[in-house]
């Protein structure tokens, strides 16, 4: 018996269609998306002008 690796459930189809509708994006969801865009940008791109700082200060 072969495994169908391209199977998409009815629920996944529904969620994909729902996600594509403009009214599915609430204000809090847009804020969350913007937050993660910034996080991913900082993670994936190098910014040499930023100086690395120590987390802990020596006392």
N, C-alpha and C. Protein backbone atom coordinates (compact mmCIF):
# COMPACT_ATOMS: atom_id res chain seq x y z
N UNK A 1 0.84 -1.18 0.00
CA UNK A 1 0.00 0.00 0.00
C UNK A 1 0.88 1.24 0.00
N UNK A 2 0.66 2.12 -0.94
CA UNK A 2 1.45 3.35 -1.06
C UNK A 2 0.83 4.46 -0.22
N UNK A 3 1.67 5.30 0.31
CA UNK A 3 1.21 6.44 1.11
C UNK A 3 1.01 7.64 0.19
N UNK A 4 -0.15 8.24 0.25
CA UNK A 4 -0.43 9.44 -0.53
C UNK A 4 0.15 10.64 0.19
N UNK A 5 1.28 11.12 -0.27
CA UNK A 5 1.97 12.24 0.40
C UNK A 5 1.42 13.60 -0.03
N UNK A 6 0.53 13.61 -1.01
CA UNK A 6 -0.05 14.87 -1.47
C UNK A 6 -1.47 15.07 -0.95
N UNK A 7 -1.88 14.26 0.01
CA UNK A 7 -3.23 14.33 0.56
C UNK A 7 -3.42 15.63 1.33
N UNK A 8 -4.53 16.28 1.09
CA UNK A 8 -4.90 17.49 1.83
C UNK A 8 -6.29 17.25 2.39
N UNK A 9 -6.40 17.36 3.70
CA UNK A 9 -7.69 17.09 4.35
C UNK A 9 -8.69 18.21 4.05
N UNK A 10 -9.95 17.90 4.28
CA UNK A 10 -11.01 18.90 4.09
C UNK A 10 -10.79 20.09 5.02
N UNK A 11 -10.35 19.82 6.24
CA UNK A 11 -10.10 20.90 7.20
C UNK A 11 -8.96 21.80 6.72
N UNK A 12 -7.90 21.22 6.19
CA UNK A 12 -6.79 22.02 5.67
C UNK A 12 -7.24 22.88 4.49
N UNK A 13 -8.08 22.32 3.63
CA UNK A 13 -8.62 23.09 2.50
C UNK A 13 -9.45 24.26 3.01
N UNK A 14 -10.30 23.99 3.99
CA UNK A 14 -11.14 25.04 4.56
C UNK A 14 -10.29 26.15 5.17
N UNK A 15 -9.29 25.77 5.96
CA UNK A 15 -8.44 26.77 6.62
C UNK A 15 -7.64 27.58 5.61
N UNK A 16 -7.19 26.96 4.55
CA UNK A 16 -6.45 27.68 3.51
C UNK A 16 -7.37 28.71 2.84
N UNK A 17 -8.58 28.29 2.49
CA UNK A 17 -9.54 29.21 1.87
C UNK A 17 -9.89 30.35 2.83
N UNK A 18 -10.11 30.03 4.08
CA UNK A 18 -10.45 31.05 5.08
C UNK A 18 -9.30 32.03 5.25
N UNK A 19 -8.09 31.54 5.26
CA UNK A 19 -6.91 32.37 5.47
C UNK A 19 -6.71 33.35 4.32
N UNK A 20 -7.18 33.03 3.14
CA UNK A 20 -7.01 33.89 1.98
C UNK A 20 -8.03 35.02 1.92
N UNK A 21 -9.07 34.94 2.74
CA UNK A 21 -10.09 35.98 2.76
C UNK A 21 -9.57 37.19 3.54
N UNK A 22 -9.78 38.40 3.01
CA UNK A 22 -9.28 39.60 3.70
C UNK A 22 -9.88 39.81 5.09
N UNK A 23 -11.13 39.42 5.28
CA UNK A 23 -11.77 39.65 6.58
C UNK A 23 -11.25 38.71 7.67
N UNK A 24 -10.44 37.72 7.30
CA UNK A 24 -9.90 36.80 8.30
C UNK A 24 -8.72 37.40 9.06
N UNK A 25 -8.22 38.54 8.61
CA UNK A 25 -7.06 39.16 9.24
C UNK A 25 -7.51 40.25 10.22
N UNK A 26 -7.52 39.92 11.48
CA UNK A 26 -7.92 40.87 12.50
C UNK A 26 -6.76 41.82 12.80
N UNK A 27 -7.04 42.83 13.56
CA UNK A 27 -6.01 43.81 13.94
C UNK A 27 -4.91 43.14 14.75
N UNK A 28 -5.28 42.26 15.66
CA UNK A 28 -4.27 41.58 16.47
C UNK A 28 -3.43 40.62 15.62
N UNK A 29 -4.05 40.01 14.63
CA UNK A 29 -3.28 39.12 13.75
C UNK A 29 -2.29 39.92 12.91
N UNK A 30 -2.71 41.07 12.42
CA UNK A 30 -1.78 41.92 11.65
C UNK A 30 -0.61 42.37 12.52
N UNK A 31 -0.88 42.72 13.76
CA UNK A 31 0.18 43.13 14.68
C UNK A 31 1.15 41.97 14.93
N UNK A 32 0.60 40.78 15.09
CA UNK A 32 1.43 39.59 15.30
C UNK A 32 2.31 39.31 14.07
N UNK A 33 1.74 39.45 12.88
CA UNK A 33 2.51 39.23 11.65
C UNK A 33 3.65 40.24 11.53
N UNK A 34 3.38 41.50 11.85
CA UNK A 34 4.42 42.53 11.80
C UNK A 34 5.53 42.24 12.80
N UNK A 35 5.15 41.81 13.98
CA UNK A 35 6.14 41.48 15.01
C UNK A 35 7.08 40.38 14.52
N UNK A 36 6.52 39.34 13.93
CA UNK A 36 7.34 38.23 13.49
C UNK A 36 8.13 38.55 12.23
N UNK A 37 7.63 39.47 11.39
CA UNK A 37 8.43 39.92 10.25
C UNK A 37 9.72 40.57 10.74
N UNK A 38 9.60 41.40 11.78
CA UNK A 38 10.77 42.06 12.34
C UNK A 38 11.73 41.03 12.96
N UNK A 39 11.19 40.09 13.70
CA UNK A 39 12.01 39.05 14.33
C UNK A 39 12.74 38.24 13.27
N UNK A 40 12.04 37.84 12.22
CA UNK A 40 12.65 37.04 11.15
C UNK A 40 13.70 37.85 10.40
N UNK A 41 13.44 39.13 10.19
CA UNK A 41 14.41 39.98 9.52
C UNK A 41 15.69 40.09 10.34
N UNK A 42 15.57 40.31 11.62
CA UNK A 42 16.75 40.41 12.48
C UNK A 42 17.50 39.08 12.54
N UNK A 43 16.78 37.98 12.51
CA UNK A 43 17.40 36.66 12.56
C UNK A 43 18.11 36.32 11.25
N UNK A 44 17.50 36.65 10.12
CA UNK A 44 17.98 36.19 8.83
C UNK A 44 18.97 37.13 8.14
N UNK A 45 19.01 38.37 8.54
CA UNK A 45 19.87 39.34 7.88
C UNK A 45 20.90 39.89 8.85
N UNK A 46 22.06 40.20 8.32
CA UNK A 46 23.12 40.77 9.15
C UNK A 46 23.11 42.28 9.01
N UNK A 47 23.26 42.95 10.12
CA UNK A 47 23.34 44.39 10.15
C UNK A 47 24.65 44.78 10.82
N UNK A 48 25.72 44.98 10.03
CA UNK A 48 27.03 45.23 10.62
C UNK A 48 27.13 46.52 11.42
N UNK A 49 26.28 47.49 11.14
CA UNK A 49 26.35 48.75 11.89
C UNK A 49 25.91 48.61 13.34
N UNK A 50 25.19 47.53 13.64
CA UNK A 50 24.77 47.30 15.02
C UNK A 50 25.92 46.73 15.81
N UNK A 51 26.17 47.30 16.95
CA UNK A 51 27.24 46.81 17.81
C UNK A 51 26.67 45.74 18.73
N UNK A 52 27.45 44.72 18.92
CA UNK A 52 27.02 43.68 19.83
C UNK A 52 27.28 44.15 21.25
N UNK A 53 26.30 44.00 22.09
CA UNK A 53 26.45 44.42 23.46
C UNK A 53 26.41 43.20 24.37
N UNK A 54 26.98 43.36 25.54
CA UNK A 54 26.94 42.30 26.52
C UNK A 54 25.57 42.27 27.19
N UNK A 55 25.11 41.10 27.43
CA UNK A 55 23.84 40.98 28.15
C UNK A 55 24.05 41.35 29.62
N UNK A 56 25.16 40.89 30.17
CA UNK A 56 25.45 41.14 31.57
C UNK A 56 26.55 42.17 31.70
N UNK A 57 26.40 43.06 32.63
CA UNK A 57 27.43 44.04 32.91
C UNK A 57 28.31 43.52 34.03
N UNK A 58 29.60 43.79 33.91
CA UNK A 58 30.53 43.40 34.97
C UNK A 58 30.46 44.44 36.08
N UNK A 59 30.27 43.99 37.29
CA UNK A 59 30.20 44.91 38.42
C UNK A 59 31.47 44.87 39.22
